Amino acid sequence: MSKLPINVLELPIAERAHIAFRAAVREVLEERAREGASVSIERDGQVMEVRAREALASFDSETSK
């Protein structure tokens, strides 16, 4: 995730919630990756199980766009 703006408290509540949600998801993916576990995700309307490291890499690449 990119750095938070200095004035994060001045952001609209929806944007702050989005930032917090993405941080929580990343934290869970990191924890599962450390454990060597997998996670269930939705891709193209299908629920599938993938390695947490793969999901984390995908999450990070989406975040950096």
PDB file of N, CA and C in Angstrom:
ATOM      1  N   MET A   1       0.853  -1.173   0.000  1.00  0.00           N
ATOM      2  CA  MET A   1       0.000   0.000   0.000  1.00  0.00           C
ATOM      3  C   MET A   1       0.890   1.224   0.000  1.00  0.00           C
ATOM      4  N   SER A   2       0.452   2.230  -0.709  1.00  0.00           N
ATOM      5  CA  SER A   2       1.225   3.465  -0.732  1.00  0.00           C
ATOM      6  C   SER A   2       1.129   4.148   0.626  1.00  0.00           C
ATOM      7  N   LYS A   3       1.998   5.125   0.831  1.00  0.00           N
ATOM      8  CA  LYS A   3       1.991   5.850   2.100  1.00  0.00           C
ATOM      9  C   LYS A   3       0.670   6.586   2.282  1.00  0.00           C
ATOM     10  N   LEU A   4       0.245   6.681   3.522  1.00  0.00           N
ATOM     11  CA  LEU A   4      -0.977   7.414   3.834  1.00  0.00           C
ATOM     12  C   LEU A   4      -0.712   8.909   3.731  1.00  0.00           C
ATOM     13  N   PRO A   5      -1.702   9.653   3.273  1.00  0.00           N
ATOM     14  CA  PRO A   5      -1.533  11.099   3.248  1.00  0.00           C
ATOM     15  C   PRO A   5      -1.431  11.638   4.671  1.00  0.00           C
ATOM     16  N   ILE A   6      -0.704  12.704   4.830  1.00  0.00           N
ATOM     17  CA  ILE A   6      -0.527  13.296   6.154  1.00  0.00           C
ATOM     18  C   ILE A   6      -1.878  13.695   6.753  1.00  0.00           C
ATOM     19  N   ASN A   7      -2.778  14.126   5.918  1.00  0.00           N
ATOM     20  CA  ASN A   7      -4.080  14.604   6.384  1.00  0.00           C
ATOM     21  C   ASN A   7      -5.143  13.508   6.304  1.00  0.00           C
ATOM     22  N   VAL A   8      -4.796  12.284   6.671  1.00  0.00           N
ATOM     23  CA  VAL A   8      -5.718  11.158   6.546  1.00  0.00           C
ATOM     24  C   VAL A   8      -7.035  11.413   7.275  1.00  0.00           C
ATOM     25  N   LEU A   9      -7.008  12.122   8.376  1.00  0.00           N
ATOM     26  CA  LEU A   9      -8.240  12.387   9.115  1.00  0.00           C
ATOM     27  C   LEU A   9      -9.158  13.369   8.398  1.00  0.00           C
ATOM     28  N   GLU A  10      -8.638  14.055   7.402  1.00  0.00           N
ATOM     29  CA  GLU A  10      -9.466  14.976   6.623  1.00  0.00           C
ATOM     30  C   GLU A  10     -10.111  14.290   5.424  1.00  0.00           C
ATOM     31  N   LEU A  11      -9.742  13.032   5.172  1.00  0.00           N
ATOM     32  CA  LEU A  11     -10.331  12.294   4.055  1.00  0.00           C
ATOM     33  C   LEU A  11     -11.778  11.939   4.376  1.00  0.00           C
ATOM     34  N   PRO A  12     -12.590  11.742   3.354  1.00  0.00           N
ATOM     35  CA  PRO A  12     -13.967  11.285   3.599  1.00  0.00           C
ATOM     36  C   PRO A  12     -13.952   9.930   4.315  1.00  0.00           C
ATOM     37  N   ILE A  13     -14.958   9.682   5.121  1.00  0.00           N
ATOM     38  CA  ILE A  13     -15.020   8.458   5.920  1.00  0.00           C
ATOM     39  C   ILE A  13     -14.969   7.215   5.040  1.00  0.00           C
ATOM     40  N   ALA A  14     -15.575   7.254   3.871  1.00  0.00           N
ATOM     41  CA  ALA A  14     -15.560   6.094   2.970  1.00  0.00           C
ATOM     42  C   ALA A  14     -14.138   5.778   2.508  1.00  0.00           C
ATOM     43  N   GLU A  15     -13.358   6.792   2.229  1.00  0.00           N
ATOM     44  CA  GLU A  15     -11.982   6.576   1.800  1.00  0.00           C
ATOM     45  C   GLU A  15     -11.125   6.037   2.949  1.00  0.00           C
ATOM     46  N   ARG A  16     -11.351   6.561   4.146  1.00  0.00           N
ATOM     47  CA  ARG A  16     -10.620   6.053   5.313  1.00  0.00           C
ATOM     48  C   ARG A  16     -10.984   4.596   5.577  1.00  0.00           C
ATOM     49  N   ALA A  17     -12.266   4.252   5.417  1.00  0.00           N
ATOM     50  CA  ALA A  17     -12.706   2.868   5.608  1.00  0.00           C
ATOM     51  C   ALA A  17     -12.050   1.954   4.575  1.00  0.00           C
ATOM     52  N   HIS A  18     -11.953   2.415   3.343  1.00  0.00           N
ATOM     53  CA  HIS A  18     -11.319   1.638   2.273  1.00  0.00           C
ATOM     54  C   HIS A  18      -9.845   1.389   2.601  1.00  0.00           C
ATOM     55  N   ILE A  19      -9.152   2.393   3.076  1.00  0.00           N
ATOM     56  CA  ILE A  19      -7.740   2.261   3.455  1.00  0.00           C
ATOM     57  C   ILE A  19      -7.605   1.239   4.589  1.00  0.00           C
ATOM     58  N   ALA A  20      -8.470   1.325   5.588  1.00  0.00           N
ATOM     59  CA  ALA A  20      -8.408   0.411   6.732  1.00  0.00           C
ATOM     60  C   ALA A  20      -8.716  -1.024   6.307  1.00  0.00           C
ATOM     61  N   PHE A  21      -9.692  -1.189   5.420  1.00  0.00           N
ATOM     62  CA  PHE A  21     -10.067  -2.514   4.941  1.00  0.00           C
ATOM     63  C   PHE A  21      -8.902  -3.156   4.189  1.00  0.00           C
ATOM     64  N   ARG A  22      -8.273  -2.401   3.289  1.00  0.00           N
ATOM     65  CA  ARG A  22      -7.148  -2.937   2.514  1.00  0.00           C
ATOM     66  C   ARG A  22      -5.981  -3.302   3.442  1.00  0.00           C
ATOM     67  N   ALA A  23      -5.744  -2.502   4.473  1.00  0.00           N
ATOM     68  CA  ALA A  23      -4.674  -2.809   5.431  1.00  0.00           C
ATOM     69  C   ALA A  23      -4.982  -4.104   6.179  1.00  0.00           C
ATOM     70  N   ALA A  24      -6.233  -4.300   6.555  1.00  0.00           N
ATOM     71  CA  ALA A  24      -6.627  -5.518   7.273  1.00  0.00           C
ATOM     72  C   ALA A  24      -6.486  -6.747   6.370  1.00  0.00           C
ATOM     73  N   VAL A  25      -6.899  -6.633   5.128  1.00  0.00           N
ATOM     74  CA  VAL A  25      -6.772  -7.755   4.188  1.00  0.00           C
ATOM     75  C   VAL A  25      -5.306  -8.112   4.000  1.00  0.00           C
ATOM     76  N   ARG A  26      -4.466  -7.098   3.824  1.00  0.00           N
ATOM     77  CA  ARG A  26      -3.034  -7.356   3.626  1.00  0.00           C
ATOM     78  C   ARG A  26      -2.443  -8.047   4.852  1.00  0.00           C
ATOM     79  N   GLU A  27      -2.841  -7.621   6.035  1.00  0.00           N
ATOM     80  CA  GLU A  27      -2.340  -8.221   7.270  1.00  0.00           C
ATOM     81  C   GLU A  27      -2.711  -9.706   7.344  1.00  0.00           C
ATOM     82  N   VAL A  28      -3.939 -10.037   6.994  1.00  0.00           N
ATOM     83  CA  VAL A  28      -4.373 -11.441   7.005  1.00  0.00           C
ATOM     84  C   VAL A  28      -3.586 -12.245   5.974  1.00  0.00           C
ATOM     85  N   LEU A  29      -3.410 -11.704   4.771  1.00  0.00           N
ATOM     86  CA  LEU A  29      -2.653 -12.412   3.740  1.00  0.00           C
ATOM     87  C   LEU A  29      -1.202 -12.641   4.166  1.00  0.00           C
ATOM     88  N   GLU A  30      -0.595 -11.644   4.800  1.00  0.00           N
ATOM     89  CA  GLU A  30       0.784 -11.803   5.290  1.00  0.00           C
ATOM     90  C   GLU A  30       0.869 -12.911   6.339  1.00  0.00           C
ATOM     91  N   GLU A  31      -0.087 -12.931   7.260  1.00  0.00           N
ATOM     92  CA  GLU A  31      -0.093 -13.945   8.309  1.00  0.00           C
ATOM     93  C   GLU A  31      -0.255 -15.339   7.708  1.00  0.00           C
ATOM     94  N   ARG A  32      -1.199 -15.490   6.791  1.00  0.00           N
ATOM     95  CA  ARG A  32      -1.428 -16.791   6.143  1.00  0.00           C
ATOM     96  C   ARG A  32      -0.207 -17.209   5.321  1.00  0.00           C
ATOM     97  N   ALA A  33       0.463 -16.256   4.682  1.00  0.00           N
ATOM     98  CA  ALA A  33       1.657 -16.564   3.889  1.00  0.00           C
ATOM     99  C   ALA A  33       2.783 -17.049   4.800  1.00  0.00           C
ATOM    100  N   ARG A  34       2.944 -16.422   5.958  1.00  0.00           N
ATOM    101  CA  ARG A  34       3.970 -16.866   6.915  1.00  0.00           C
ATOM    102  C   ARG A  34       3.715 -18.299   7.357  1.00  0.00           C
ATOM    103  N   GLU A  35       2.436 -18.648   7.478  1.00  0.00           N
ATOM    104  CA  GLU A  35       2.055 -20.002   7.906  1.00  0.00           C
ATOM    105  C   GLU A  35       2.168 -21.012   6.761  1.00  0.00           C
ATOM    106  N   GLY A  36       2.362 -20.521   5.537  1.00  0.00           N
ATOM    107  CA  GLY A  36       2.407 -21.406   4.381  1.00  0.00           C
ATOM    108  C   GLY A  36       1.036 -21.932   4.004  1.00  0.00           C
ATOM    109  N   ALA A  37       0.011 -21.198   4.377  1.00  0.00           N
ATOM    110  CA  ALA A  37      -1.368 -21.638   4.166  1.00  0.00           C
ATOM    111  C   ALA A  37      -1.924 -21.116   2.846  1.00  0.00           C
ATOM    112  N   SER A  38      -3.123 -21.534   2.558  1.00  0.00           N
ATOM    113  CA  SER A  38      -3.822 -21.048   1.376  1.00  0.00           C
ATOM    114  C   SER A  38      -5.025 -20.223   1.813  1.00  0.00           C
ATOM    115  N   VAL A  39      -5.607 -19.511   0.856  1.00  0.00           N
ATOM    116  CA  VAL A  39      -6.796 -18.700   1.114  1.00  0.00           C
ATOM    117  C   VAL A  39      -7.798 -18.952  -0.001  1.00  0.00           C
ATOM    118  N   SER A  40      -9.047 -18.735   0.291  1.00  0.00           N
ATOM    119  CA  SER A  40     -10.092 -18.849  -0.726  1.00  0.00           C
ATOM    120  C   SER A  40     -10.377 -17.455  -1.261  1.00  0.00           C
ATOM    121  N   ILE A  41     -10.382 -17.341  -2.584  1.00  0.00           N
ATOM    122  CA  ILE A  41     -10.651 -16.062  -3.229  1.00  0.00           C
ATOM    123  C   ILE A  41     -11.657 -16.264  -4.358  1.00  0.00           C
ATOM    124  N   GLU A  42     -12.192 -15.163  -4.865  1.00  0.00           N
ATOM    125  CA  GLU A  42     -13.093 -15.199  -6.011  1.00  0.00           C
ATOM    126  C   GLU A  42     -12.341 -14.678  -7.214  1.00  0.00           C
ATOM    127  N   ARG A  43     -12.373 -15.443  -8.298  1.00  0.00           N
ATOM    128  CA  ARG A  43     -11.772 -15.029  -9.568  1.00  0.00           C
ATOM    129  C   ARG A  43     -12.730 -15.392 -10.682  1.00  0.00           C
ATOM    130  N   ASP A  44     -13.085 -14.417 -11.469  1.00  0.00           N
ATOM    131  CA  ASP A  44     -13.964 -14.653 -12.617  1.00  0.00           C
ATOM    132  C   ASP A  44     -15.235 -15.403 -12.235  1.00  0.00           C
ATOM    133  N   GLY A  45     -15.808 -15.039 -11.093  1.00  0.00           N
ATOM    134  CA  GLY A  45     -17.063 -15.649 -10.656  1.00  0.00           C
ATOM    135  C   GLY A  45     -16.913 -17.028 -10.039  1.00  0.00           C
ATOM    136  N   GLN A  46     -15.687 -17.496  -9.878  1.00  0.00           N
ATOM    137  CA  GLN A  46     -15.428 -18.810  -9.288  1.00  0.00           C
ATOM    138  C   GLN A  46     -14.677 -18.633  -7.974  1.00  0.00           C
ATOM    139  N   VAL A  47     -15.032 -19.442  -6.985  1.00  0.00           N
ATOM    140  CA  VAL A  47     -14.289 -19.449  -5.730  1.00  0.00           C
ATOM    141  C   VAL A  47     -13.196 -20.493  -5.864  1.00  0.00           C
ATOM    142  N   MET A  48     -11.962 -20.085  -5.580  1.00  0.00           N
ATOM    143  CA  MET A  48     -10.842 -21.018  -5.683  1.00  0.00           C
ATOM    144  C   MET A  48      -9.893 -20.840  -4.518  1.00  0.00           C
ATOM    145  N   GLU A  49      -9.110 -21.869  -4.275  1.00  0.00           N
ATOM    146  CA  GLU A  49      -8.126 -21.834  -3.208  1.00  0.00           C
ATOM    147  C   GLU A  49      -6.756 -21.603  -3.842  1.00  0.00           C
ATOM    148  N   VAL A  50      -6.023 -20.622  -3.329  1.00  0.00           N
ATOM    149  CA  VAL A  50      -4.685 -20.320  -3.834  1.00  0.00           C
ATOM    150  C   VAL A  50      -3.742 -20.157  -2.643  1.00  0.00           C
ATOM    151  N   ARG A  51      -2.462 -20.309  -2.914  1.00  0.00           N
ATOM    152  CA  ARG A  51      -1.467 -20.087  -1.875  1.00  0.00           C
ATOM    153  C   ARG A  51      -1.539 -18.625  -1.441  1.00  0.00           C
ATOM    154  N   ALA A  52      -1.396 -18.390  -0.165  1.00  0.00           N
ATOM    155  CA  ALA A  52      -1.482 -17.027   0.362  1.00  0.00           C
ATOM    156  C   ALA A  52      -0.399 -16.136  -0.233  1.00  0.00           C
ATOM    157  N   ARG A  53       0.785 -16.686  -0.495  1.00  0.00           N
ATOM    158  CA  ARG A  53       1.864 -15.895  -1.113  1.00  0.00           C
ATOM    159  C   ARG A  53       1.447 -15.387  -2.485  1.00  0.00           C
ATOM    160  N   GLU A  54       0.774 -16.239  -3.251  1.00  0.00           N
ATOM    161  CA  GLU A  54       0.291 -15.837  -4.571  1.00  0.00           C
ATOM    162  C   GLU A  54      -0.763 -14.732  -4.449  1.00  0.00           C
ATOM    163  N   ALA A  55      -1.681 -14.904  -3.513  1.00  0.00           N
ATOM    164  CA  ALA A  55      -2.725 -13.903  -3.300  1.00  0.00           C
ATOM    165  C   ALA A  55      -2.115 -12.578  -2.843  1.00  0.00           C
ATOM    166  N   LEU A  56      -1.108 -12.638  -1.984  1.00  0.00           N
ATOM    167  CA  LEU A  56      -0.442 -11.435  -1.492  1.00  0.00           C
ATOM    168  C   LEU A  56       0.272 -10.720  -2.634  1.00  0.00           C
ATOM    169  N   ALA A  57       0.956 -11.460  -3.493  1.00  0.00           N
ATOM    170  CA  ALA A  57       1.639 -10.860  -4.644  1.00  0.00           C
ATOM    171  C   ALA A  57       0.631 -10.184  -5.562  1.00  0.00           C
ATOM    172  N   SER A  58      -0.499 -10.834  -5.790  1.00  0.00           N
ATOM    173  CA  SER A  58      -1.542 -10.257  -6.628  1.00  0.00           C
ATOM    174  C   SER A  58      -2.123  -9.002  -5.982  1.00  0.00           C
ATOM    175  N   PHE A  59      -2.347  -9.054  -4.688  1.00  0.00           N
ATOM    176  CA  PHE A  59      -2.888  -7.926  -3.938  1.00  0.00           C
ATOM    177  C   PHE A  59      -1.935  -6.736  -4.042  1.00  0.00           C
ATOM    178  N   ASP A  60      -0.630  -7.007  -3.857  1.00  0.00           N
ATOM    179  CA  ASP A  60       0.366  -5.932  -3.927  1.00  0.00           C
ATOM    180  C   ASP A  60       0.467  -5.334  -5.323  1.00  0.00           C
ATOM    181  N   SER A  61       0.365  -6.172  -6.351  1.00  0.00           N
ATOM    182  CA  SER A  61       0.456  -5.640  -7.712  1.00  0.00           C
ATOM    183  C   SER A  61      -0.766  -4.793  -8.050  1.00  0.00           C
ATOM    184  N   GLU A  62      -1.938  -5.159  -7.538  1.00  0.00           N
ATOM    185  CA  GLU A  62      -3.144  -4.365  -7.752  1.00  0.00           C
ATOM    186  C   GLU A  62      -3.058  -3.042  -7.007  1.00  0.00           C
ATOM    187  N   THR A  63      -2.474  -3.070  -5.828  1.00  0.00           N
ATOM    188  CA  THR A  63      -2.348  -1.868  -5.010  1.00  0.00           C
ATOM    189  C   THR A  63      -1.388  -0.870  -5.619  1.00  0.00           C
ATOM    190  N   SER A  64      -0.352  -1.355  -6.288  1.00  0.00           N
ATOM    191  CA  SER A  64       0.667  -0.451  -6.838  1.00  0.00           C
ATOM    192  C   SER A  64       0.239   0.207  -8.144  1.00  0.00           C
ATOM    193  N   LYS A  65      -0.895  -0.190  -8.706  1.00  0.00           N
ATOM    194  CA  LYS A  65      -1.359   0.400  -9.978  1.00  0.00           C
ATOM    195  C   LYS A  65      -1.906   1.777  -9.763  1.00  0.00           C
TER     196      LYS A  65
END
